[in-house]
Amino acid sequence: TFFFVPCIFIYLRPSATFPLDKAVS
């Protein structure tokens, strides 16, 4: 869950980036 949920959050969306992305990754 720690691995998949952040991956889904980052990659299952258009090429928009958020400040939170670096911490989530």
mmCIF file of all heavy atoms, coordinates in Angstrom:
data_MODEL
# 
_entry.id   MODEL 
# 
loop_
_atom_site.group_PDB 
_atom_site.id 
_atom_site.type_symbol 
_atom_site.label_atom_id 
_atom_site.label_alt_id 
_atom_site.label_comp_id 
_atom_site.label_asym_id 
_atom_site.label_entity_id 
_atom_site.label_seq_id 
_atom_site.pdbx_PDB_ins_code 
_atom_site.Cartn_x 
_atom_site.Cartn_y 
_atom_site.Cartn_z 
_atom_site.occupancy 
_atom_site.B_iso_or_equiv 
_atom_site.pdbx_formal_charge 
_atom_site.auth_seq_id 
_atom_site.auth_comp_id 
_atom_site.auth_asym_id 
_atom_site.auth_atom_id 
_atom_site.pdbx_PDB_model_num 
ATOM 1   N N   . THR A 1 1  ? 0.836  -1.206 0.000   1.00 0.00 ? 1  THR A N   1 
ATOM 2   C CA  . THR A 1 1  ? 0.000  0.000  0.000   1.00 0.00 ? 1  THR A CA  1 
ATOM 3   C C   . THR A 1 1  ? 0.868  1.252  0.000   1.00 0.00 ? 1  THR A C   1 
ATOM 4   O O   . THR A 1 1  ? 0.595  2.213  -0.724  1.00 0.00 ? 1  THR A O   1 
ATOM 5   C CB  . THR A 1 1  ? -0.937 0.013  1.225   1.00 0.00 ? 1  THR A CB  1 
ATOM 6   O OG1 . THR A 1 1  ? -1.787 -1.142 1.162   1.00 0.00 ? 1  THR A OG1 1 
ATOM 7   C CG2 . THR A 1 1  ? -1.809 1.267  1.233   1.00 0.00 ? 1  THR A CG2 1 
ATOM 8   N N   . PHE A 1 2  ? 1.936  1.233  0.806   1.00 0.00 ? 2  PHE A N   1 
ATOM 9   C CA  . PHE A 1 2  ? 2.877  2.355  0.827   1.00 0.00 ? 2  PHE A CA  1 
ATOM 10  C C   . PHE A 1 2  ? 3.508  2.579  -0.546  1.00 0.00 ? 2  PHE A C   1 
ATOM 11  O O   . PHE A 1 2  ? 3.887  3.703  -0.881  1.00 0.00 ? 2  PHE A O   1 
ATOM 12  C CB  . PHE A 1 2  ? 3.987  2.115  1.850   1.00 0.00 ? 2  PHE A CB  1 
ATOM 13  C CG  . PHE A 1 2  ? 3.648  2.578  3.237   1.00 0.00 ? 2  PHE A CG  1 
ATOM 14  C CD1 . PHE A 1 2  ? 3.665  1.685  4.294   1.00 0.00 ? 2  PHE A CD1 1 
ATOM 15  C CD2 . PHE A 1 2  ? 3.315  3.894  3.494   1.00 0.00 ? 2  PHE A CD2 1 
ATOM 16  C CE1 . PHE A 1 2  ? 3.352  2.098  5.582   1.00 0.00 ? 2  PHE A CE1 1 
ATOM 17  C CE2 . PHE A 1 2  ? 2.991  4.320  4.772   1.00 0.00 ? 2  PHE A CE2 1 
ATOM 18  C CZ  . PHE A 1 2  ? 3.018  3.419  5.819   1.00 0.00 ? 2  PHE A CZ  1 
ATOM 19  N N   . PHE A 1 3  ? 3.623  1.518  -1.326  1.00 0.00 ? 3  PHE A N   1 
ATOM 20  C CA  . PHE A 1 3  ? 4.240  1.628  -2.649  1.00 0.00 ? 3  PHE A CA  1 
ATOM 21  C C   . PHE A 1 3  ? 3.226  2.015  -3.725  1.00 0.00 ? 3  PHE A C   1 
ATOM 22  O O   . PHE A 1 3  ? 3.446  2.945  -4.499  1.00 0.00 ? 3  PHE A O   1 
ATOM 23  C CB  . PHE A 1 3  ? 4.917  0.304  -3.014  1.00 0.00 ? 3  PHE A CB  1 
ATOM 24  C CG  . PHE A 1 3  ? 5.693  0.354  -4.297  1.00 0.00 ? 3  PHE A CG  1 
ATOM 25  C CD1 . PHE A 1 3  ? 6.985  0.842  -4.316  1.00 0.00 ? 3  PHE A CD1 1 
ATOM 26  C CD2 . PHE A 1 3  ? 5.135  -0.081 -5.498  1.00 0.00 ? 3  PHE A CD2 1 
ATOM 27  C CE1 . PHE A 1 3  ? 7.714  0.901  -5.488  1.00 0.00 ? 3  PHE A CE1 1 
ATOM 28  C CE2 . PHE A 1 3  ? 5.850  -0.035 -6.675  1.00 0.00 ? 3  PHE A CE2 1 
ATOM 29  C CZ  . PHE A 1 3  ? 7.146  0.462  -6.673  1.00 0.00 ? 3  PHE A CZ  1 
ATOM 30  N N   . PHE A 1 4  ? 2.096  1.301  -3.769  1.00 0.00 ? 4  PHE A N   1 
ATOM 31  C CA  . PHE A 1 4  ? 1.167  1.455  -4.882  1.00 0.00 ? 4  PHE A CA  1 
ATOM 32  C C   . PHE A 1 4  ? 0.347  2.745  -4.811  1.00 0.00 ? 4  PHE A C   1 
ATOM 33  O O   . PHE A 1 4  ? 0.140  3.394  -5.845  1.00 0.00 ? 4  PHE A O   1 
ATOM 34  C CB  . PHE A 1 4  ? 0.218  0.254  -4.956  1.00 0.00 ? 4  PHE A CB  1 
ATOM 35  C CG  . PHE A 1 4  ? 0.789  -0.924 -5.661  1.00 0.00 ? 4  PHE A CG  1 
ATOM 36  C CD1 . PHE A 1 4  ? 1.439  -1.927 -4.951  1.00 0.00 ? 4  PHE A CD1 1 
ATOM 37  C CD2 . PHE A 1 4  ? 0.700  -1.048 -7.029  1.00 0.00 ? 4  PHE A CD2 1 
ATOM 38  C CE1 . PHE A 1 4  ? 1.974  -3.025 -5.593  1.00 0.00 ? 4  PHE A CE1 1 
ATOM 39  C CE2 . PHE A 1 4  ? 1.229  -2.144 -7.694  1.00 0.00 ? 4  PHE A CE2 1 
ATOM 40  C CZ  . PHE A 1 4  ? 1.875  -3.134 -6.967  1.00 0.00 ? 4  PHE A CZ  1 
ATOM 41  N N   . VAL A 1 5  ? -0.150 3.106  -3.643  1.00 0.00 ? 5  VAL A N   1 
ATOM 42  C CA  . VAL A 1 5  ? -1.030 4.283  -3.556  1.00 0.00 ? 5  VAL A CA  1 
ATOM 43  C C   . VAL A 1 5  ? -0.309 5.559  -4.005  1.00 0.00 ? 5  VAL A C   1 
ATOM 44  O O   . VAL A 1 5  ? -0.861 6.328  -4.807  1.00 0.00 ? 5  VAL A O   1 
ATOM 45  C CB  . VAL A 1 5  ? -1.612 4.420  -2.131  1.00 0.00 ? 5  VAL A CB  1 
ATOM 46  C CG1 . VAL A 1 5  ? -2.364 5.741  -1.989  1.00 0.00 ? 5  VAL A CG1 1 
ATOM 47  C CG2 . VAL A 1 5  ? -2.557 3.248  -1.836  1.00 0.00 ? 5  VAL A CG2 1 
ATOM 48  N N   . PRO A 1 6  ? 0.926  5.835  -3.550  1.00 0.00 ? 6  PRO A N   1 
ATOM 49  C CA  . PRO A 1 6  ? 1.632  7.012  -4.088  1.00 0.00 ? 6  PRO A CA  1 
ATOM 50  C C   . PRO A 1 6  ? 1.884  6.927  -5.595  1.00 0.00 ? 6  PRO A C   1 
ATOM 51  O O   . PRO A 1 6  ? 1.800  7.944  -6.296  1.00 0.00 ? 6  PRO A O   1 
ATOM 52  C CB  . PRO A 1 6  ? 2.950  7.019  -3.301  1.00 0.00 ? 6  PRO A CB  1 
ATOM 53  C CG  . PRO A 1 6  ? 2.651  6.296  -2.046  1.00 0.00 ? 6  PRO A CG  1 
ATOM 54  C CD  . PRO A 1 6  ? 1.682  5.227  -2.436  1.00 0.00 ? 6  PRO A CD  1 
ATOM 55  N N   . CYS A 1 7  ? 2.205  5.711  -6.094  1.00 0.00 ? 7  CYS A N   1 
ATOM 56  C CA  . CYS A 1 7  ? 2.408  5.558  -7.543  1.00 0.00 ? 7  CYS A CA  1 
ATOM 57  C C   . CYS A 1 7  ? 1.146  5.920  -8.318  1.00 0.00 ? 7  CYS A C   1 
ATOM 58  O O   . CYS A 1 7  ? 1.204  6.611  -9.346  1.00 0.00 ? 7  CYS A O   1 
ATOM 59  C CB  . CYS A 1 7  ? 2.818  4.125  -7.877  1.00 0.00 ? 7  CYS A CB  1 
ATOM 60  S SG  . CYS A 1 7  ? 4.526  3.722  -7.474  1.00 0.00 ? 7  CYS A SG  1 
ATOM 61  N N   . ILE A 1 8  ? 0.011  5.435  -7.840  1.00 0.00 ? 8  ILE A N   1 
ATOM 62  C CA  . ILE A 1 8  ? -1.269 5.732  -8.498  1.00 0.00 ? 8  ILE A CA  1 
ATOM 63  C C   . ILE A 1 8  ? -1.549 7.233  -8.447  1.00 0.00 ? 8  ILE A C   1 
ATOM 64  O O   . ILE A 1 8  ? -1.988 7.839  -9.428  1.00 0.00 ? 8  ILE A O   1 
ATOM 65  C CB  . ILE A 1 8  ? -2.407 4.935  -7.833  1.00 0.00 ? 8  ILE A CB  1 
ATOM 66  C CG1 . ILE A 1 8  ? -2.218 3.431  -8.108  1.00 0.00 ? 8  ILE A CG1 1 
ATOM 67  C CG2 . ILE A 1 8  ? -3.771 5.387  -8.339  1.00 0.00 ? 8  ILE A CG2 1 
ATOM 68  C CD1 . ILE A 1 8  ? -3.103 2.532  -7.277  1.00 0.00 ? 8  ILE A CD1 1 
ATOM 69  N N   . PHE A 1 9  ? -1.265 7.864  -7.305  1.00 0.00 ? 9  PHE A N   1 
ATOM 70  C CA  . PHE A 1 9  ? -1.474 9.310  -7.144  1.00 0.00 ? 9  PHE A CA  1 
ATOM 71  C C   . PHE A 1 9  ? -0.630 10.104 -8.140  1.00 0.00 ? 9  PHE A C   1 
ATOM 72  O O   . PHE A 1 9  ? -1.103 11.083 -8.729  1.00 0.00 ? 9  PHE A O   1 
ATOM 73  C CB  . PHE A 1 9  ? -1.123 9.727  -5.715  1.00 0.00 ? 9  PHE A CB  1 
ATOM 74  C CG  . PHE A 1 9  ? -1.138 11.217 -5.493  1.00 0.00 ? 9  PHE A CG  1 
ATOM 75  C CD1 . PHE A 1 9  ? -2.339 11.896 -5.336  1.00 0.00 ? 9  PHE A CD1 1 
ATOM 76  C CD2 . PHE A 1 9  ? 0.051  11.934 -5.440  1.00 0.00 ? 9  PHE A CD2 1 
ATOM 77  C CE1 . PHE A 1 9  ? -2.348 13.276 -5.139  1.00 0.00 ? 9  PHE A CE1 1 
ATOM 78  C CE2 . PHE A 1 9  ? 0.046  13.308 -5.243  1.00 0.00 ? 9  PHE A CE2 1 
ATOM 79  C CZ  . PHE A 1 9  ? -1.160 13.980 -5.091  1.00 0.00 ? 9  PHE A CZ  1 
ATOM 80  N N   . ILE A 1 10 ? 0.605  9.689  -8.343  1.00 0.00 ? 10 ILE A N   1 
ATOM 81  C CA  . ILE A 1 10 ? 1.518  10.433 -9.216  1.00 0.00 ? 10 ILE A CA  1 
ATOM 82  C C   . ILE A 1 10 ? 1.232  10.198 -10.698 1.00 0.00 ? 10 ILE A C   1 
ATOM 83  O O   . ILE A 1 10 ? 1.205  11.142 -11.506 1.00 0.00 ? 10 ILE A O   1 
ATOM 84  C CB  . ILE A 1 10 ? 2.983  10.055 -8.910  1.00 0.00 ? 10 ILE A CB  1 
ATOM 85  C CG1 . ILE A 1 10 ? 3.383  10.507 -7.501  1.00 0.00 ? 10 ILE A CG1 1 
ATOM 86  C CG2 . ILE A 1 10 ? 3.938  10.666 -9.957  1.00 0.00 ? 10 ILE A CG2 1 
ATOM 87  C CD1 . ILE A 1 10 ? 3.472  11.992 -7.296  1.00 0.00 ? 10 ILE A CD1 1 
ATOM 88  N N   . TYR A 1 11 ? 0.994  8.938  -11.077 1.00 0.00 ? 11 TYR A N   1 
ATOM 89  C CA  . TYR A 1 11 ? 0.996  8.597  -12.506 1.00 0.00 ? 11 TYR A CA  1 
ATOM 90  C C   . TYR A 1 11 ? -0.389 8.453  -13.134 1.00 0.00 ? 11 TYR A C   1 
ATOM 91  O O   . TYR A 1 11 ? -0.494 8.503  -14.363 1.00 0.00 ? 11 TYR A O   1 
ATOM 92  C CB  . TYR A 1 11 ? 1.796  7.304  -12.733 1.00 0.00 ? 11 TYR A CB  1 
ATOM 93  C CG  . TYR A 1 11 ? 3.246  7.452  -12.369 1.00 0.00 ? 11 TYR A CG  1 
ATOM 94  C CD1 . TYR A 1 11 ? 3.780  6.827  -11.252 1.00 0.00 ? 11 TYR A CD1 1 
ATOM 95  C CD2 . TYR A 1 11 ? 4.094  8.248  -13.136 1.00 0.00 ? 11 TYR A CD2 1 
ATOM 96  C CE1 . TYR A 1 11 ? 5.115  6.967  -10.909 1.00 0.00 ? 11 TYR A CE1 1 
ATOM 97  C CE2 . TYR A 1 11 ? 5.427  8.408  -12.807 1.00 0.00 ? 11 TYR A CE2 1 
ATOM 98  C CZ  . TYR A 1 11 ? 5.929  7.771  -11.692 1.00 0.00 ? 11 TYR A CZ  1 
ATOM 99  O OH  . TYR A 1 11 ? 7.246  7.921  -11.347 1.00 0.00 ? 11 TYR A OH  1 
ATOM 100 N N   . LEU A 1 12 ? -1.427 8.276  -12.338 1.00 0.00 ? 12 LEU A N   1 
ATOM 101 C CA  . LEU A 1 12 ? -2.748 8.101  -12.934 1.00 0.00 ? 12 LEU A CA  1 
ATOM 102 C C   . LEU A 1 12 ? -3.451 9.449  -13.034 1.00 0.00 ? 12 LEU A C   1 
ATOM 103 O O   . LEU A 1 12 ? -4.550 9.652  -12.515 1.00 0.00 ? 12 LEU A O   1 
ATOM 104 C CB  . LEU A 1 12 ? -3.588 7.121  -12.100 1.00 0.00 ? 12 LEU A CB  1 
ATOM 105 C CG  . LEU A 1 12 ? -4.837 6.561  -12.799 1.00 0.00 ? 12 LEU A CG  1 
ATOM 106 C CD1 . LEU A 1 12 ? -4.457 5.718  -14.004 1.00 0.00 ? 12 LEU A CD1 1 
ATOM 107 C CD2 . LEU A 1 12 ? -5.682 5.755  -11.830 1.00 0.00 ? 12 LEU A CD2 1 
ATOM 108 N N   . ARG A 1 13 ? -2.811 10.373 -13.714 1.00 0.00 ? 13 ARG A N   1 
ATOM 109 C CA  . ARG A 1 13 ? -3.371 11.710 -13.908 1.00 0.00 ? 13 ARG A CA  1 
ATOM 110 C C   . ARG A 1 13 ? -2.601 12.374 -15.039 1.00 0.00 ? 13 ARG A C   1 
ATOM 111 O O   . ARG A 1 13 ? -1.498 11.935 -15.393 1.00 0.00 ? 13 ARG A O   1 
ATOM 112 C CB  . ARG A 1 13 ? -3.263 12.534 -12.625 1.00 0.00 ? 13 ARG A CB  1 
ATOM 113 C CG  . ARG A 1 13 ? -1.858 12.897 -12.231 1.00 0.00 ? 13 ARG A CG  1 
ATOM 114 C CD  . ARG A 1 13 ? -1.826 13.751 -10.966 1.00 0.00 ? 13 ARG A CD  1 
ATOM 115 N NE  . ARG A 1 13 ? -0.551 14.411 -10.850 1.00 0.00 ? 13 ARG A NE  1 
ATOM 116 C CZ  . ARG A 1 13 ? 0.154  14.488 -9.713  1.00 0.00 ? 13 ARG A CZ  1 
ATOM 117 N NH1 . ARG A 1 13 ? -0.304 13.944 -8.607  1.00 0.00 ? 13 ARG A NH1 1 
ATOM 118 N NH2 . ARG A 1 13 ? 1.310  15.121 -9.681  1.00 0.00 ? 13 ARG A NH2 1 
ATOM 119 N N   . PRO A 1 14 ? -3.147 13.457 -15.615 1.00 0.00 ? 14 PRO A N   1 
ATOM 120 C CA  . PRO A 1 14 ? -2.414 14.190 -16.659 1.00 0.00 ? 14 PRO A CA  1 
ATOM 121 C C   . PRO A 1 14 ? -1.121 14.773 -16.109 1.00 0.00 ? 14 PRO A C   1 
ATOM 122 O O   . PRO A 1 14 ? -0.841 14.703 -14.918 1.00 0.00 ? 14 PRO A O   1 
ATOM 123 C CB  . PRO A 1 14 ? -3.404 15.294 -17.068 1.00 0.00 ? 14 PRO A CB  1 
ATOM 124 C CG  . PRO A 1 14 ? -4.734 14.812 -16.609 1.00 0.00 ? 14 PRO A CG  1 
ATOM 125 C CD  . PRO A 1 14 ? -4.492 13.989 -15.385 1.00 0.00 ? 14 PRO A CD  1 
ATOM 126 N N   . SER A 1 15 ? -0.361 15.414 -16.994 1.00 0.00 ? 15 SER A N   1 
ATOM 127 C CA  . SER A 1 15 ? 0.966  15.891 -16.635 1.00 0.00 ? 15 SER A CA  1 
ATOM 128 C C   . SER A 1 15 ? 0.933  17.152 -15.790 1.00 0.00 ? 15 SER A C   1 
ATOM 129 O O   . SER A 1 15 ? 1.678  18.102 -16.032 1.00 0.00 ? 15 SER A O   1 
ATOM 130 C CB  . SER A 1 15 ? 1.795  16.150 -17.898 1.00 0.00 ? 15 SER A CB  1 
ATOM 131 O OG  . SER A 1 15 ? 3.113  16.484 -17.557 1.00 0.00 ? 15 SER A OG  1 
ATOM 132 N N   . ALA A 1 16 ? 0.110  17.172 -14.775 1.00 0.00 ? 16 ALA A N   1 
ATOM 133 C CA  . ALA A 1 16 ? 0.117  18.270 -13.808 1.00 0.00 ? 16 ALA A CA  1 
ATOM 134 C C   . ALA A 1 16 ? 1.009  17.880 -12.650 1.00 0.00 ? 16 ALA A C   1 
ATOM 135 O O   . ALA A 1 16 ? 1.031  16.728 -12.233 1.00 0.00 ? 16 ALA A O   1 
ATOM 136 C CB  . ALA A 1 16 ? -1.297 18.540 -13.310 1.00 0.00 ? 16 ALA A CB  1 
ATOM 137 N N   . THR A 1 17 ? 1.793  18.818 -12.144 1.00 0.00 ? 17 THR A N   1 
ATOM 138 C CA  . THR A 1 17 ? 2.650  18.544 -10.998 1.00 0.00 ? 17 THR A CA  1 
ATOM 139 C C   . THR A 1 17 ? 2.225  19.419 -9.837  1.00 0.00 ? 17 THR A C   1 
ATOM 140 O O   . THR A 1 17 ? 1.815  20.562 -10.025 1.00 0.00 ? 17 THR A O   1 
ATOM 141 C CB  . THR A 1 17 ? 4.130  18.808 -11.331 1.00 0.00 ? 17 THR A CB  1 
ATOM 142 O OG1 . THR A 1 17 ? 4.279  20.155 -11.790 1.00 0.00 ? 17 THR A OG1 1 
ATOM 143 C CG2 . THR A 1 17 ? 4.626  17.848 -12.408 1.00 0.00 ? 17 THR A CG2 1 
ATOM 144 N N   . PHE A 1 18 ? 2.339  18.878 -8.640  1.00 0.00 ? 18 PHE A N   1 
ATOM 145 C CA  . PHE A 1 18 ? 1.961  19.590 -7.425  1.00 0.00 ? 18 PHE A CA  1 
ATOM 146 C C   . PHE A 1 18 ? 3.156  19.647 -6.479  1.00 0.00 ? 18 PHE A C   1 
ATOM 147 O O   . PHE A 1 18 ? 4.050  18.788 -6.542  1.00 0.00 ? 18 PHE A O   1 
ATOM 148 C CB  . PHE A 1 18 ? 0.794  18.878 -6.730  1.00 0.00 ? 18 PHE A CB  1 
ATOM 149 C CG  . PHE A 1 18 ? -0.416 18.695 -7.603  1.00 0.00 ? 18 PHE A CG  1 
ATOM 150 C CD1 . PHE A 1 18 ? -0.839 17.424 -7.967  1.00 0.00 ? 18 PHE A CD1 1 
ATOM 151 C CD2 . PHE A 1 18 ? -1.125 19.789 -8.067  1.00 0.00 ? 18 PHE A CD2 1 
ATOM 152 C CE1 . PHE A 1 18 ? -1.947 17.247 -8.777  1.00 0.00 ? 18 PHE A CE1 1 
ATOM 153 C CE2 . PHE A 1 18 ? -2.240 19.623 -8.872  1.00 0.00 ? 18 PHE A CE2 1 
ATOM 154 C CZ  . PHE A 1 18 ? -2.652 18.354 -9.235  1.00 0.00 ? 18 PHE A CZ  1 
ATOM 155 N N   . PRO A 1 19 ? 3.197  20.641 -5.587  1.00 0.00 ? 19 PRO A N   1 
ATOM 156 C CA  . PRO A 1 19 ? 4.304  20.717 -4.624  1.00 0.00 ? 19 PRO A CA  1 
ATOM 157 C C   . PRO A 1 19 ? 4.438  19.455 -3.780  1.00 0.00 ? 19 PRO A C   1 
ATOM 158 O O   . PRO A 1 19 ? 5.528  19.097 -3.340  1.00 0.00 ? 19 PRO A O   1 
ATOM 159 C CB  . PRO A 1 19 ? 3.933  21.933 -3.762  1.00 0.00 ? 19 PRO A CB  1 
ATOM 160 C CG  . PRO A 1 19 ? 3.058  22.773 -4.640  1.00 0.00 ? 19 PRO A CG  1 
ATOM 161 C CD  . PRO A 1 19 ? 2.292  21.804 -5.489  1.00 0.00 ? 19 PRO A CD  1 
ATOM 162 N N   . LEU A 1 20 ? 3.312  18.759 -3.574  1.00 0.00 ? 20 LEU A N   1 
ATOM 163 C CA  . LEU A 1 20 ? 3.309  17.556 -2.754  1.00 0.00 ? 20 LEU A CA  1 
ATOM 164 C C   . LEU A 1 20 ? 3.984  16.369 -3.432  1.00 0.00 ? 20 LEU A C   1 
ATOM 165 O O   . LEU A 1 20 ? 4.382  15.410 -2.757  1.00 0.00 ? 20 LEU A O   1 
ATOM 166 C CB  . LEU A 1 20 ? 1.850  17.199 -2.414  1.00 0.00 ? 20 LEU A CB  1 
ATOM 167 C CG  . LEU A 1 20 ? 1.581  16.074 -1.417  1.00 0.00 ? 20 LEU A CG  1 
ATOM 168 C CD1 . LEU A 1 20 ? 2.128  16.445 -0.044  1.00 0.00 ? 20 LEU A CD1 1 
ATOM 169 C CD2 . LEU A 1 20 ? 0.087  15.783 -1.338  1.00 0.00 ? 20 LEU A CD2 1 
ATOM 170 N N   . ASP A 1 21 ? 4.161  16.428 -4.750  1.00 0.00 ? 21 ASP A N   1 
ATOM 171 C CA  . ASP A 1 21 ? 4.644  15.274 -5.499  1.00 0.00 ? 21 ASP A CA  1 
ATOM 172 C C   . ASP A 1 21 ? 5.998  14.777 -5.012  1.00 0.00 ? 21 ASP A C   1 
ATOM 173 O O   . ASP A 1 21 ? 6.235  13.567 -4.933  1.00 0.00 ? 21 ASP A O   1 
ATOM 174 C CB  . ASP A 1 21 ? 4.731  15.609 -6.994  1.00 0.00 ? 21 ASP A CB  1 
ATOM 175 C CG  . ASP A 1 21 ? 3.368  15.692 -7.643  1.00 0.00 ? 21 ASP A CG  1 
ATOM 176 O OD1 . ASP A 1 21 ? 2.367  15.397 -6.963  1.00 0.00 ? 21 ASP A OD1 1 
ATOM 177 O OD2 . ASP A 1 21 ? 3.308  16.065 -8.828  1.00 0.00 ? 21 ASP A OD2 1 
ATOM 178 N N   . LYS A 1 22 ? 6.904  15.699 -4.710  1.00 0.00 ? 22 LYS A N   1 
ATOM 179 C CA  . LYS A 1 22 ? 8.248  15.281 -4.304  1.00 0.00 ? 22 LYS A CA  1 
ATOM 180 C C   . LYS A 1 22 ? 8.217  14.512 -2.987  1.00 0.00 ? 22 LYS A C   1 
ATOM 181 O O   . LYS A 1 22 ? 8.936  13.518 -2.824  1.00 0.00 ? 22 LYS A O   1 
ATOM 182 C CB  . LYS A 1 22 ? 9.172  16.505 -4.214  1.00 0.00 ? 22 LYS A CB  1 
ATOM 183 C CG  . LYS A 1 22 ? 9.539  17.069 -5.573  1.00 0.00 ? 22 LYS A CG  1 
ATOM 184 C CD  . LYS A 1 22 ? 10.571 18.168 -5.480  1.00 0.00 ? 22 LYS A CD  1 
ATOM 185 C CE  . LYS A 1 22 ? 9.981  19.489 -5.104  1.00 0.00 ? 22 LYS A CE  1 
ATOM 186 N NZ  . LYS A 1 22 ? 10.975 20.600 -5.199  1.00 0.00 ? 22 LYS A NZ  1 
ATOM 187 N N   . ALA A 1 23 ? 7.401  14.968 -2.061  1.00 0.00 ? 23 ALA A N   1 
ATOM 188 C CA  . ALA A 1 23 ? 7.286  14.261 -0.782  1.00 0.00 ? 23 ALA A CA  1 
ATOM 189 C C   . ALA A 1 23 ? 6.595  12.909 -0.969  1.00 0.00 ? 23 ALA A C   1 
ATOM 190 O O   . ALA A 1 23 ? 7.008  11.903 -0.383  1.00 0.00 ? 23 ALA A O   1 
ATOM 191 C CB  . ALA A 1 23 ? 6.520  15.121 0.219   1.00 0.00 ? 23 ALA A CB  1 
ATOM 192 N N   . VAL A 1 24 ? 5.552  12.880 -1.809  1.00 0.00 ? 24 VAL A N   1 
ATOM 193 C CA  . VAL A 1 24 ? 4.828  11.622 -2.055  1.00 0.00 ? 24 VAL A CA  1 
ATOM 194 C C   . VAL A 1 24 ? 5.747  10.584 -2.697  1.00 0.00 ? 24 VAL A C   1 
ATOM 195 O O   . VAL A 1 24 ? 5.707  9.400  -2.355  1.00 0.00 ? 24 VAL A O   1 
ATOM 196 C CB  . VAL A 1 24 ? 3.593  11.879 -2.946  1.00 0.00 ? 24 VAL A CB  1 
ATOM 197 C CG1 . VAL A 1 24 ? 2.983  10.568 -3.430  1.00 0.00 ? 24 VAL A CG1 1 
ATOM 198 C CG2 . VAL A 1 24 ? 2.551  12.690 -2.182  1.00 0.00 ? 24 VAL A CG2 1 
ATOM 199 N N   . SER A 1 25 ? 6.605  11.033 -3.612  1.00 0.00 ? 25 SER A N   1 
ATOM 200 C CA  . SER A 1 25 ? 7.486  10.091 -4.311  1.00 0.00 ? 25 SER A CA  1 
ATOM 201 C C   . SER A 1 25 ? 8.489  9.419  -3.375  1.00 0.00 ? 25 SER A C   1 
ATOM 202 O O   . SER A 1 25 ? 9.026  8.357  -3.693  1.00 0.00 ? 25 SER A O   1 
ATOM 203 C CB  . SER A 1 25 ? 8.227  10.797 -5.447  1.00 0.00 ? 25 SER A CB  1 
ATOM 204 O OG  . SER A 1 25 ? 9.115  11.781 -4.945  1.00 0.00 ? 25 SER A OG  1 
# 
